[in-house]
Every structure is written in structure tokens, then in C-alpha cells.
C-alpha atoms as a PDB file:
ATOM      1  CA  MET A   1     188.986 198.671 115.359  1.00  0.00           C
ATOM      2  CA  LYS A   2     186.251 200.684 113.546  1.00  0.00           C
ATOM      3  CA  ALA A   3     186.702 198.087 110.660  1.00  0.00           C
ATOM      4  CA  TRP A   4     186.077 195.491 112.813  1.00  0.00           C
ATOM      5  CA  SER A   5     183.067 196.838 114.344  1.00  0.00           C
ATOM      6  CA  ASP A   6     181.617 197.643 111.489  1.00  0.00           C
ATOM      7  CA  ARG A   7     182.093 194.520 109.921  1.00  0.00           C
ATOM      8  CA  ARG A   8     180.833 192.575 113.003  1.00  0.00           C
ATOM      9  CA  ARG A   9     177.466 195.197 112.950  1.00  0.00           C
ATOM     10  CA  ARG A  10     177.211 193.590 109.176  1.00  0.00           C
ATOM     11  CA  LEU A  11     177.736 189.538 110.575  1.00  0.00           C
ATOM     12  CA  THR A  12     175.070 190.420 113.286  1.00  0.00           C
ATOM     13  CA  CYS A  13     172.473 192.253 110.987  1.00  0.00           C
ATOM     14  CA  ARG A  14     173.068 189.327 108.307  1.00  0.00           C
ATOM     15  CA  LEU A  15     172.526 187.139 110.756  1.00  0.00           C
ATOM     16  CA  LEU A  16     169.386 188.297 112.601  1.00  0.00           C
ATOM     17  CA  LEU A  17     167.958 188.342 108.636  1.00  0.00           C
ATOM     18  CA  ILE A  18     168.627 184.766 108.480  1.00  0.00           C
ATOM     19  CA  ILE A  19     166.981 184.128 111.621  1.00  0.00           C
ATOM     20  CA  SER A  20     164.010 186.207 110.941  1.00  0.00           C
ATOM     21  CA  ALA A  21     163.908 184.225 107.239  1.00  0.00           C
ATOM     22  CA  LEU A  22     163.912 180.998 109.234  1.00  0.00           C
ATOM     23  CA  VAL A  23     161.346 182.297 111.756  1.00  0.00           C
ATOM     24  CA  PHE A  24     159.329 183.187 108.490  1.00  0.00           C
ATOM     25  CA  VAL A  25     159.308 179.909 106.588  1.00  0.00           C
ATOM     26  CA  ALA A  26     158.872 177.547 110.035  1.00  0.00           C
ATOM     27  CA  PHE A  27     155.906 179.660 110.496  1.00  0.00           C
ATOM     28  CA  PHE A  28     154.373 178.929 107.139  1.00  0.00           C
ATOM     29  CA  LEU A  29     154.802 175.268 107.000  1.00  0.00           C
ATOM     30  CA  PHE A  30     153.588 174.966 110.340  1.00  0.00           C
ATOM     31  CA  SER A  31     150.310 177.226 108.960  1.00  0.00           C
ATOM     32  CA  GLN A  32     150.236 175.103 105.936  1.00  0.00           C
ATOM     33  CA  THR A  33     149.948 171.723 108.059  1.00  0.00           C
ATOM     34  CA  MET A  34     146.504 171.537 108.426  1.00  0.00           C
ATOM     35  CA  CYS A  35     144.182 170.014 111.593  1.00  0.00           C
ATOM     36  CA  ASP A  36     141.018 168.091 110.738  1.00  0.00           C
ATOM     37  CA  ARG A  37     137.984 170.453 110.493  1.00  0.00           C
ATOM     38  CA  THR A  38     135.836 168.588 110.007  1.00  0.00           C
ATOM     39  CA  LEU A  39     134.150 168.772 113.598  1.00  0.00           C
ATOM     40  CA  ASP A  40     134.501 172.751 113.533  1.00  0.00           C
ATOM     41  CA  TYR A  41     132.149 172.530 110.437  1.00  0.00           C
ATOM     42  CA  PHE A  42     129.342 170.653 112.079  1.00  0.00           C
ATOM     43  CA  LEU A  43     129.940 172.778 114.622  1.00  0.00           C
ATOM     44  CA  ASN A  44     129.481 175.850 113.124  1.00  0.00           C
ATOM     45  CA  LEU A  45     125.780 174.452 111.769  1.00  0.00           C
ATOM     46  CA  ASN A  46     125.156 173.702 115.720  1.00  0.00           C
ATOM     47  CA  GLN A  47     124.992 170.226 114.552  1.00  0.00           C
ATOM     48  CA  LEU A  48     126.905 169.105 117.354  1.00  0.00           C
ATOM     49  CA  THR A  49     126.841 169.297 121.067  1.00  0.00           C
ATOM     50  CA  GLY A  50     130.868 169.372 121.140  1.00  0.00           C
ATOM     51  CA  ARG A  51     133.971 168.706 120.119  1.00  0.00           C
ATOM     52  CA  ASP A  52     133.224 164.989 119.925  1.00  0.00           C
ATOM     53  CA  ALA A  53     133.445 162.591 117.074  1.00  0.00           C
ATOM     54  CA  ALA A  54     131.436 160.236 118.186  1.00  0.00           C
ATOM     55  CA  GLU A  55     127.950 162.372 117.273  1.00  0.00           C
ATOM     56  CA  VAL A  56     128.876 162.284 113.422  1.00  0.00           C
ATOM     57  CA  SER A  57     127.598 159.108 112.303  1.00  0.00           C
ATOM     58  CA  TRP A  58     127.852 157.840 108.591  1.00  0.00           C
ATOM     59  CA  SER A  59     126.063 157.011 105.027  1.00  0.00           C
ATOM     60  CA  HIS A  60     127.844 153.552 103.774  1.00  0.00           C
ATOM     61  CA  ALA A  61     128.224 152.495  99.814  1.00  0.00           C
ATOM     62  CA  VAL A  62     126.423 155.973  98.486  1.00  0.00           C
ATOM     63  CA  ASN A  63     126.970 154.788  95.174  1.00  0.00           C
ATOM     64  CA  SER A  64     123.541 155.037  93.480  1.00  0.00           C
ATOM     65  CA  ARG A  65     121.107 157.747  92.943  1.00  0.00           C
ATOM     66  CA  ARG A  66     118.384 156.365  95.081  1.00  0.00           C
ATOM     67  CA  ALA A  67     121.460 155.839  98.161  1.00  0.00           C
ATOM     68  CA  LEU A  68     122.184 159.384  97.474  1.00  0.00           C
ATOM     69  CA  THR A  69     118.804 160.862  98.040  1.00  0.00           C
ATOM     70  CA  GLN A  70     118.065 158.879 100.871  1.00  0.00           C
ATOM     71  CA  ALA A  71     121.594 160.003 102.387  1.00  0.00           C
ATOM     72  CA  LEU A  72     121.193 163.360 101.594  1.00  0.00           C
ATOM     73  CA  THR A  73     117.684 163.911 103.131  1.00  0.00           C
ATOM     74  CA  GLY A  74     118.591 161.750 106.284  1.00  0.00           C
ATOM     75  CA  SER A  75     120.269 162.854 109.622  1.00  0.00           C
ATOM     76  CA  THR A  76     123.409 161.234 108.791  1.00  0.00           C
ATOM     77  CA  TYR A  77     126.532 163.775 108.528  1.00  0.00           C
ATOM     78  CA  MET A  78     128.754 162.435 106.411  1.00  0.00           C
ATOM     79  CA  ILE A  79     128.541 160.132 103.201  1.00  0.00           C
ATOM     80  CA  GLU A  80     130.668 157.127 101.861  1.00  0.00           C
ATOM     81  CA  ALA A  81     130.730 156.447  98.350  1.00  0.00           C
ATOM     82  CA  ASP A  82     133.096 153.954  96.333  1.00  0.00           C
ATOM     83  CA  VAL A  83     134.969 155.653  93.236  1.00  0.00           C
ATOM     84  CA  ILE A  84     136.332 153.589  90.536  1.00  0.00           C
ATOM     85  CA  LEU A  85     136.294 153.892  86.518  1.00  0.00           C
ATOM     86  CA  ARG A  86     133.861 152.391  84.500  1.00  0.00           C
ATOM     87  CA  GLY A  87     134.441 149.175  82.994  1.00  0.00           C
ATOM     88  CA  HIS A  88     133.482 150.409  79.245  1.00  0.00           C
ATOM     89  CA  ASP A  89     133.571 153.481  77.097  1.00  0.00           C
ATOM     90  CA  PRO A  90     132.930 156.071  78.395  1.00  0.00           C
ATOM     91  CA  LYS A  91     135.731 155.597  80.434  1.00  0.00           C
ATOM     92  CA  GLU A  92     134.812 157.847  83.658  1.00  0.00           C
ATOM     93  CA  PRO A  93     134.665 158.192  87.191  1.00  0.00           C
ATOM     94  CA  ILE A  94     131.755 156.556  88.617  1.00  0.00           C
ATOM     95  CA  MET A  95     130.163 155.703  91.982  1.00  0.00           C
ATOM     96  CA  ALA A  96     130.435 151.460  92.134  1.00  0.00           C
ATOM     97  CA  HIS A  97     132.406 148.730  94.313  1.00  0.00           C
ATOM     98  CA  PRO A  98     134.372 146.247  92.882  1.00  0.00           C
ATOM     99  CA  PRO A  99     132.714 143.898  91.584  1.00  0.00           C
ATOM    100  CA  ASP A 100     130.503 146.444  90.061  1.00  0.00           C
ATOM    101  CA  THR A 101     131.727 148.217  86.625  1.00  0.00           C
ATOM    102  CA  ASP A 102     128.981 150.529  86.397  1.00  0.00           C
ATOM    103  CA  SER A 103     126.603 152.289  87.917  1.00  0.00           C
ATOM    104  CA  ASP A 104     123.449 154.838  87.184  1.00  0.00           C
ATOM    105  CA  ILE A 105     125.485 157.840  88.927  1.00  0.00           C
ATOM    106  CA  THR A 106     128.960 159.424  87.196  1.00  0.00           C
ATOM    107  CA  LEU A 107     131.131 161.018  90.192  1.00  0.00           C
ATOM    108  CA  ARG A 108     131.029 164.373  88.607  1.00  0.00           C
ATOM    109  CA  GLU A 109     126.654 164.084  88.890  1.00  0.00           C
ATOM    110  CA  TRP A 110     127.457 163.002  92.694  1.00  0.00           C
ATOM    111  CA  LEU A 111     129.410 165.872  93.314  1.00  0.00           C
ATOM    112  CA  GLN A 112     127.236 168.183  92.145  1.00  0.00           C
ATOM    113  CA  GLU A 113     123.856 166.670  94.187  1.00  0.00           C
ATOM    114  CA  VAL A 114     126.172 166.528  96.804  1.00  0.00           C
ATOM    115  CA  LYS A 115     127.312 170.393  96.246  1.00  0.00           C
ATOM    116  CA  VAL A 116     123.982 171.920  97.778  1.00  0.00           C
ATOM    117  CA  TYR A 117     123.889 170.357 101.248  1.00  0.00           C
ATOM    118  CA  ASN A 118     125.810 170.920 104.297  1.00  0.00           C
ATOM    119  CA  LYS A 119     127.013 166.785 104.281  1.00  0.00           C
ATOM    120  CA  GLY A 120     130.601 165.779 104.664  1.00  0.00           C
ATOM    121  CA  ILE A 121     132.276 163.133 101.917  1.00  0.00           C
ATOM    122  CA  LYS A 122     134.009 160.423 102.060  1.00  0.00           C
ATOM    123  CA  LEU A 123     135.270 158.992  98.726  1.00  0.00           C
ATOM    124  CA  ASP A 124     136.651 155.349  98.710  1.00  0.00           C
ATOM    125  CA  PHE A 125     139.177 154.625  96.369  1.00  0.00           C
ATOM    126  CA  LYS A 126     140.408 151.040  95.010  1.00  0.00           C
ATOM    127  CA  SER A 127     142.392 151.633  92.420  1.00  0.00           C
ATOM    128  CA  LEU A 128     145.071 154.374  91.268  1.00  0.00           C
ATOM    129  CA  GLU A 129     143.636 155.028  87.650  1.00  0.00           C
ATOM    130  CA  ALA A 130     140.283 156.488  88.547  1.00  0.00           C
ATOM    131  CA  ILE A 131     142.403 159.161  91.329  1.00  0.00           C
ATOM    132  CA  PRO A 132     143.339 161.419  88.411  1.00  0.00           C
ATOM    133  CA  PRO A 133     139.855 162.301  86.805  1.00  0.00           C
ATOM    134  CA  SER A 134     138.468 162.321  90.244  1.00  0.00           C
ATOM    135  CA  LEU A 135     140.700 164.988  91.274  1.00  0.00           C
ATOM    136  CA  VAL A 136     140.169 167.055  88.287  1.00  0.00           C
ATOM    137  CA  LEU A 137     136.114 167.058  89.083  1.00  0.00           C
ATOM    138  CA  LEU A 138     136.792 167.715  92.634  1.00  0.00           C
ATOM    139  CA  LYS A 139     138.628 170.480  92.175  1.00  0.00           C
ATOM    140  CA  GLU A 140     135.946 171.751  89.516  1.00  0.00           C
ATOM    141  CA  ALA A 141     133.118 171.053  92.268  1.00  0.00           C
ATOM    142  CA  GLU A 142     134.747 173.237  94.695  1.00  0.00           C
ATOM    143  CA  LEU A 143     132.796 172.283  97.430  1.00  0.00           C
ATOM    144  CA  SER A 144     132.619 173.768 101.067  1.00  0.00           C
ATOM    145  CA  GLN A 145     132.030 170.775 103.052  1.00  0.00           C
ATOM    146  CA  PRO A 146     134.610 168.115 104.718  1.00  0.00           C
ATOM    147  CA  VAL A 147     135.884 166.439 101.858  1.00  0.00           C
ATOM    148  CA  TRP A 148     137.961 162.574 102.609  1.00  0.00           C
ATOM    149  CA  ILE A 149     139.891 160.682 100.239  1.00  0.00           C
ATOM    150  CA  ASN A 150     140.073 156.939 100.973  1.00  0.00           C
ATOM    151  CA  ALA A 151     142.450 154.152 100.495  1.00  0.00           C
ATOM    152  CA  ASP A 152     143.986 151.196 101.639  1.00  0.00           C
ATOM    153  CA  ILE A 153     147.875 151.907 101.313  1.00  0.00           C
ATOM    154  CA  LEU A 154     149.911 149.239 103.554  1.00  0.00           C
ATOM    155  CA  ALA A 155     149.432 145.613 104.059  1.00  0.00           C
ATOM    156  CA  GLY A 156     147.511 145.777 107.989  1.00  0.00           C
ATOM    157  CA  PRO A 157     147.090 142.495 109.998  1.00  0.00           C
ATOM    158  CA  GLY A 158     145.532 139.798 108.181  1.00  0.00           C
ATOM    159  CA  GLY A 159     144.998 142.035 105.550  1.00  0.00           C
ATOM    160  CA  GLU A 160     144.464 139.837 102.042  1.00  0.00           C
ATOM    161  CA  ALA A 161     143.855 142.551  99.507  1.00  0.00           C
ATOM    162  CA  GLN A 162     146.335 143.795  97.407  1.00  0.00           C
ATOM    163  CA  PRO A 163     146.536 148.139  98.882  1.00  0.00           C
ATOM    164  CA  LEU A 164     147.692 150.718  96.712  1.00  0.00           C
ATOM    165  CA  ASP A 165     150.935 152.253  95.740  1.00  0.00           C
ATOM    166  CA  PRO A 166     151.173 154.392  98.944  1.00  0.00           C
ATOM    167  CA  GLU A 167     154.064 156.737  96.461  1.00  0.00           C
ATOM    168  CA  ALA A 168     151.985 156.688  94.109  1.00  0.00           C
ATOM    169  CA  PHE A 169     148.674 157.207  96.128  1.00  0.00           C
ATOM    170  CA  LEU A 170     150.015 160.295  97.991  1.00  0.00           C
ATOM    171  CA  SER A 171     151.843 162.019  95.135  1.00  0.00           C
ATOM    172  CA  ALA A 172     148.463 162.092  93.253  1.00  0.00           C
ATOM    173  CA  VAL A 173     146.702 163.699  96.246  1.00  0.00           C
ATOM    174  CA  THR A 174     149.012 165.671  97.838  1.00  0.00           C
ATOM    175  CA  ALA A 175     147.894 169.000  95.540  1.00  0.00           C
ATOM    176  CA  LEU A 176     144.473 168.445  97.251  1.00  0.00           C
ATOM    177  CA  PRO A 177     143.568 171.845  99.410  1.00  0.00           C
ATOM    178  CA  ALA A 178     145.462 171.666 102.734  1.00  0.00           C
ATOM    179  CA  HIS A 179     142.263 171.290 104.687  1.00  0.00           C
ATOM    180  CA  THR A 180     141.014 167.629 102.878  1.00  0.00           C
ATOM    181  CA  VAL A 181     141.284 165.365 104.965  1.00  0.00           C
ATOM    182  CA  LEU A 182     143.608 161.821 103.745  1.00  0.00           C
ATOM    183  CA  SER A 183     142.229 158.588 105.092  1.00  0.00           C
ATOM    184  CA  LEU A 184     144.904 156.121 105.264  1.00  0.00           C
ATOM    185  CA  GLY A 185     144.361 152.817 106.371  1.00  0.00           C
ATOM    186  CA  TRP A 186     145.730 149.116 106.518  1.00  0.00           C
ATOM    187  CA  THR A 187     144.302 146.173 104.585  1.00  0.00           C
ATOM    188  CA  THR A 188     143.443 143.886 107.164  1.00  0.00           C
ATOM    189  CA  GLY A 189     141.472 140.318 107.713  1.00  0.00           C
ATOM    190  CA  TRP A 190     139.246 139.162 110.847  1.00  0.00           C
ATOM    191  CA  THR A 191     138.227 135.295 111.502  1.00  0.00           C
ATOM    192  CA  PRO A 192     136.118 134.562 113.727  1.00  0.00           C
ATOM    193  CA  ALA A 193     136.817 131.913 116.330  1.00  0.00           C
ATOM    194  CA  ALA A 194     140.704 132.527 115.619  1.00  0.00           C
ATOM    195  CA  GLU A 195     143.260 134.791 117.895  1.00  0.00           C
ATOM    196  CA  ASN A 196     143.676 137.601 115.497  1.00  0.00           C
ATOM    197  CA  PRO A 197     146.373 139.981 115.403  1.00  0.00           C
ATOM    198  CA  GLY A 198     146.296 143.823 116.581  1.00  0.00           C
ATOM    199  CA  TYR A 199     148.085 146.456 114.452  1.00  0.00           C
ATOM    200  CA  SER A 200     152.014 145.506 115.534  1.00  0.00           C
ATOM    201  CA  TRP A 201     154.334 148.362 116.103  1.00  0.00           C
ATOM    202  CA  ASP A 202     155.677 147.650 112.541  1.00  0.00           C
ATOM    203  CA  VAL A 203     152.681 148.130 110.596  1.00  0.00           C
ATOM    204  CA  VAL A 204     152.326 151.947 112.242  1.00  0.00           C
ATOM    205  CA  ARG A 205     155.707 152.820 112.682  1.00  0.00           C
ATOM    206  CA  VAL A 206     155.882 152.142 108.686  1.00  0.00           C
ATOM    207  CA  MET A 207     152.447 154.154 108.170  1.00  0.00           C
ATOM    208  CA  GLU A 208     154.023 157.061 110.315  1.00  0.00           C
ATOM    209  CA  GLN A 209     156.764 157.183 108.506  1.00  0.00           C
ATOM    210  CA  LYS A 210     154.332 157.793 105.052  1.00  0.00           C
ATOM    211  CA  CYS A 211     152.380 160.335 106.624  1.00  0.00           C
ATOM    212  CA  ARG A 212     155.115 162.166 108.139  1.00  0.00           C
ATOM    213  CA  ALA A 213     155.931 164.846 105.874  1.00  0.00           C
ATOM    214  CA  LEU A 214     152.352 165.266 104.855  1.00  0.00           C
ATOM    215  CA  GLY A 215     150.758 168.770 105.000  1.00  0.00           C
ATOM    216  CA  HIS A 216     147.089 167.651 105.416  1.00  0.00           C
ATOM    217  CA  PRO A 217     145.350 166.049 108.246  1.00  0.00           C
ATOM    218  CA  VAL A 218     145.526 162.618 108.404  1.00  0.00           C
ATOM    219  CA  THR A 219     142.915 159.909 109.990  1.00  0.00           C
ATOM    220  CA  PHE A 220     143.849 156.207 110.039  1.00  0.00           C
ATOM    221  CA  PRO A 221     140.681 153.775 109.677  1.00  0.00           C
ATOM    222  CA  VAL A 222     141.028 151.123 112.355  1.00  0.00           C
ATOM    223  CA  ARG A 223     139.227 148.478 112.758  1.00  0.00           C
ATOM    224  CA  ALA A 224     137.082 147.518 115.737  1.00  0.00           C
ATOM    225  CA  ALA A 225     137.590 144.115 116.290  1.00  0.00           C
ATOM    226  CA  LEU A 226     141.196 144.603 116.506  1.00  0.00           C
ATOM    227  CA  LEU A 227     141.437 147.646 118.961  1.00  0.00           C
ATOM    228  CA  ALA A 228     141.566 145.653 121.972  1.00  0.00           C
ATOM    229  CA  GLN A 229     145.074 144.108 121.208  1.00  0.00           C
ATOM    230  CA  SER A 230     146.661 147.524 119.992  1.00  0.00           C
ATOM    231  CA  LEU A 231     146.189 150.351 122.348  1.00  0.00           C
ATOM    232  CA  SER A 232     149.439 151.221 122.829  1.00  0.00           C
ATOM    233  CA  GLN A 233     150.641 151.091 119.086  1.00  0.00           C
ATOM    234  CA  LEU A 234     147.527 153.554 118.064  1.00  0.00           C
ATOM    235  CA  SER A 235     147.982 155.457 121.435  1.00  0.00           C
ATOM    236  CA  TRP A 236     151.598 156.464 120.325  1.00  0.00           C
ATOM    237  CA  LEU A 237     150.391 156.701 116.516  1.00  0.00           C
ATOM    238  CA  LEU A 238     148.103 159.802 117.673  1.00  0.00           C
ATOM    239  CA  GLN A 239     150.796 161.377 119.816  1.00  0.00           C
ATOM    240  CA  GLN A 240     153.273 161.527 116.831  1.00  0.00           C
ATOM    241  CA  SER A 241     151.393 164.740 114.877  1.00  0.00           C
ATOM    242  CA  HIS A 242     148.484 166.590 116.193  1.00  0.00           C
ATOM    243  CA  ARG A 243     147.381 165.964 112.095  1.00  0.00           C
ATOM    244  CA  TYR A 244     146.323 162.238 113.416  1.00  0.00           C
ATOM    245  CA  THR A 245     143.389 160.867 114.141  1.00  0.00           C
ATOM    246  CA  LEU A 246     141.107 157.398 114.159  1.00  0.00           C
ATOM    247  CA  THR A 247     138.378 156.319 112.638  1.00  0.00           C
ATOM    248  CA  VAL A 248     136.910 153.278 114.015  1.00  0.00           C
ATOM    249  CA  TRP A 249     135.088 150.651 111.797  1.00  0.00           C
ATOM    250  CA  THR A 250     133.615 147.679 111.239  1.00  0.00           C
ATOM    251  CA  GLY A 251     133.473 144.563 108.737  1.00  0.00           C
ATOM    252  CA  GLN A 252     130.179 143.505 108.460  1.00  0.00           C
ATOM    253  CA  ASN A 253     130.513 140.033 110.296  1.00  0.00           C
ATOM    254  CA  ASP A 254     132.715 141.283 113.026  1.00  0.00           C
ATOM    255  CA  GLU A 255     132.687 140.330 116.433  1.00  0.00           C
ATOM    256  CA  PHE A 256     133.509 143.016 119.398  1.00  0.00           C
ATOM    257  CA  THR A 257     131.915 144.591 122.327  1.00  0.00           C
ATOM    258  CA  LEU A 258     131.938 148.169 123.350  1.00  0.00           C
ATOM    259  CA  GLN A 259     134.232 147.059 126.401  1.00  0.00           C
ATOM    260  CA  ASP A 260     136.636 146.826 123.453  1.00  0.00           C
ATOM    261  CA  LEU A 261     136.239 150.460 122.878  1.00  0.00           C
ATOM    262  CA  LEU A 262     136.558 152.103 125.758  1.00  0.00           C
ATOM    263  CA  PRO A 263     139.630 152.452 126.797  1.00  0.00           C
ATOM    264  CA  TYR A 264     140.067 154.382 123.463  1.00  0.00           C
ATOM    265  CA  ARG A 265     137.012 155.880 124.792  1.00  0.00           C
ATOM    266  CA  LYS A 266     138.946 157.119 127.842  1.00  0.00           C
ATOM    267  CA  GLU A 267     141.924 157.841 127.538  1.00  0.00           C
ATOM    268  CA  PHE A 268     141.805 160.070 124.048  1.00  0.00           C
ATOM    269  CA  ASP A 269     141.341 163.316 123.318  1.00  0.00           C
ATOM    270  CA  ARG A 270     137.211 162.258 121.785  1.00  0.00           C
ATOM    271  CA  SER A 271     137.683 164.833 119.435  1.00  0.00           C
ATOM    272  CA  ARG A 272     140.492 162.533 117.689  1.00  0.00           C
ATOM    273  CA  ILE A 273     138.683 159.673 117.269  1.00  0.00           C
ATOM    274  CA  TYR A 274     135.531 158.811 114.328  1.00  0.00           C
ATOM    275  CA  TYR A 275     133.626 155.977 114.991  1.00  0.00           C
ATOM    276  CA  ASP A 276     131.901 154.683 111.821  1.00  0.00           C
ATOM    277  CA  LEU A 277     129.849 152.203 113.155  1.00  0.00           C
ATOM    278  CA  PRO A 278     126.412 150.885 113.590  1.00  0.00           C
ATOM    279  CA  ASP A 279     124.447 153.644 115.595  1.00  0.00           C
ATOM    280  CA  SER A 280     123.041 151.559 118.402  1.00  0.00           C
ATOM    281  CA  LEU A 281     127.179 150.727 119.353  1.00  0.00           C
ATOM    282  CA  ARG A 282     128.039 155.134 118.485  1.00  0.00           C
ATOM    283  CA  THR A 283     125.270 156.283 120.710  1.00  0.00           C
ATOM    284  CA  GLY A 284     125.936 154.257 123.278  1.00  0.00           C
ATOM    285  CA  LEU A 285     129.632 155.551 123.243  1.00  0.00           C
ATOM    286  CA  ASN A 286     128.439 158.872 124.263  1.00  0.00           C
ATOM    287  CA  MET A 287     126.713 157.110 127.644  1.00  0.00           C
ATOM    288  CA  THR A 288     130.155 156.544 128.842  1.00  0.00           C
ATOM    289  CA  PRO A 289     132.319 158.710 131.374  1.00  0.00           C
ATOM    290  CA  GLN A 290     133.809 161.814 130.095  1.00  0.00           C
ATOM    291  CA  ASN A 291     138.044 161.534 129.260  1.00  0.00           C
ATOM    292  CA  ARG A 292     140.793 163.108 130.884  1.00  0.00           C
ATOM    293  CA  THR A 293     142.125 166.020 128.912  1.00  0.00           C
END
């Protein structure tokens, strides 16, 4: 009887140790799964009035020295730029958007300029070859501000451009610090005077499957002109993880109205939807009634 009691006690102790280890692992994995810190960064600088991502403003195509100087000395919070490999030797990462193949500023120089300002950055990659050397430069720069890494990794509604291979891209960027925001989008298209499809359940579910195991915060760039047709799908997407946000953007010739955005403004947590839009529309959103919490 005593031997059985001792054996049961040892088994109980082992079971408790296993449970404790599992709890520790679960807590560790959860702690490594980061939420988006972008708003916290600007709140700590007293640049925002609250946790409303619509207050965050953007500079676009900051791919030259002149554009960078304007963005750094201007009032916007986030600076977006494109990274490619120079089309001739030395083949190093530069700030340019295809079809351009050269620039007057390299990524190394760009990062050094940005480093001394309180501006967040979003680097947009159109090819896989530019990513490895760019990540080396990012690591060397040791930036303290928000860093977003953007690429279209899946084909979406009306998309004709070739997305980057999702497995190759995600494999390359998962070594980035856990607070880095991965901006993962779909290639899309929009045709005036036509019935443009929204984000279908298929493309949204495939994207969520790709992102489910990631430890980084993820924002999904979504095209404003397609949002009216996509409320149910994108609402479901945000519900799948506290790591997920949306970033609403628009093409230069797209047509949509403020009314198309209001359902998102009213129904979703305002800290989880950024609006990379013209200031007239973005600031107009701030005059809409507060959403439910």
C-alpha cells in the first residue's frame, strides 16, 4: 500500500511539473506574439489625442533626398517608401519604384536620415531579391520608431500584378524583431463605371491561414474603393487575432465616398484601422460618431 502511495505521489508530481512547463511555454509563446505598438509610440510622444488610428497621417513615395527632407520636416507621422535593388553595380538597396532602376539615395543613407526623427517608416518591397540585404541594413540601423514591412503576397480582387511568393517573403521577414509590423496585402485592381468585386471569402481566408502562425503584428492593406462590398469578410478577418489591423489606402484615380468607410468607422475598434488617405477624407472621418466598444 505504501509503495502504491509513493508511486501515485511521484506520478502526481510529474504531472504537475508537466502542466507547469506547458503553462510556461504557452505564456512564453503568447508574450512573443506582439500587438501593434504604432499608436503607443505616438501617444507617448503626445502626438495623438487618443487611440484612434485615423489620426496617423502619411507621406508617400519618399524615394528621393528631396522627398525625404520634406517628409522628415513635415507633419506626417508615417513615411512610406519603396525599396528595390539598383539596376546596375553596385547592386545595393535603393529607394525607387519600378520602372525606375536608380535613385539619388540608398536605403542605408535613407535609414540614417530617418533614425534621428520621430517618424514611423513603411518599406514597400516589389521583389524578393531586395529583401535580404535590406533586412541587414535595418538590423544595423537599430531604429526605435515603428517599422512596417509591406508586400503584396496574394492575388486579390481585380489584381493583375504578380504577388511576391508568400512563403519566401514570410520566411525572410520572420527573423525581424517581434514588434515589426508586417503589412501583408493582395494585388488588386479597380475599373471605373464597372462592378468591381470586393475581397472574397476565399482570398480573406487564405490570407488568414498564411498569417495565423506569425508572431508579429499584421496589418492588411485594403483598397478603399472595394470596402463597401467587403464588410463581412474584413470584419471576420479582424476577429481572428488581436494582432490584426487594417490599413485603408486608395489608388490615384479610384472613386469612393466617405459613406463607403462609415460602417468600418462605426463598427470596428478605431485603434485597429489606419487610413492612408488624402487628408480631406482622413480628417473627415474624425467627425463621425464614436464607434461601439
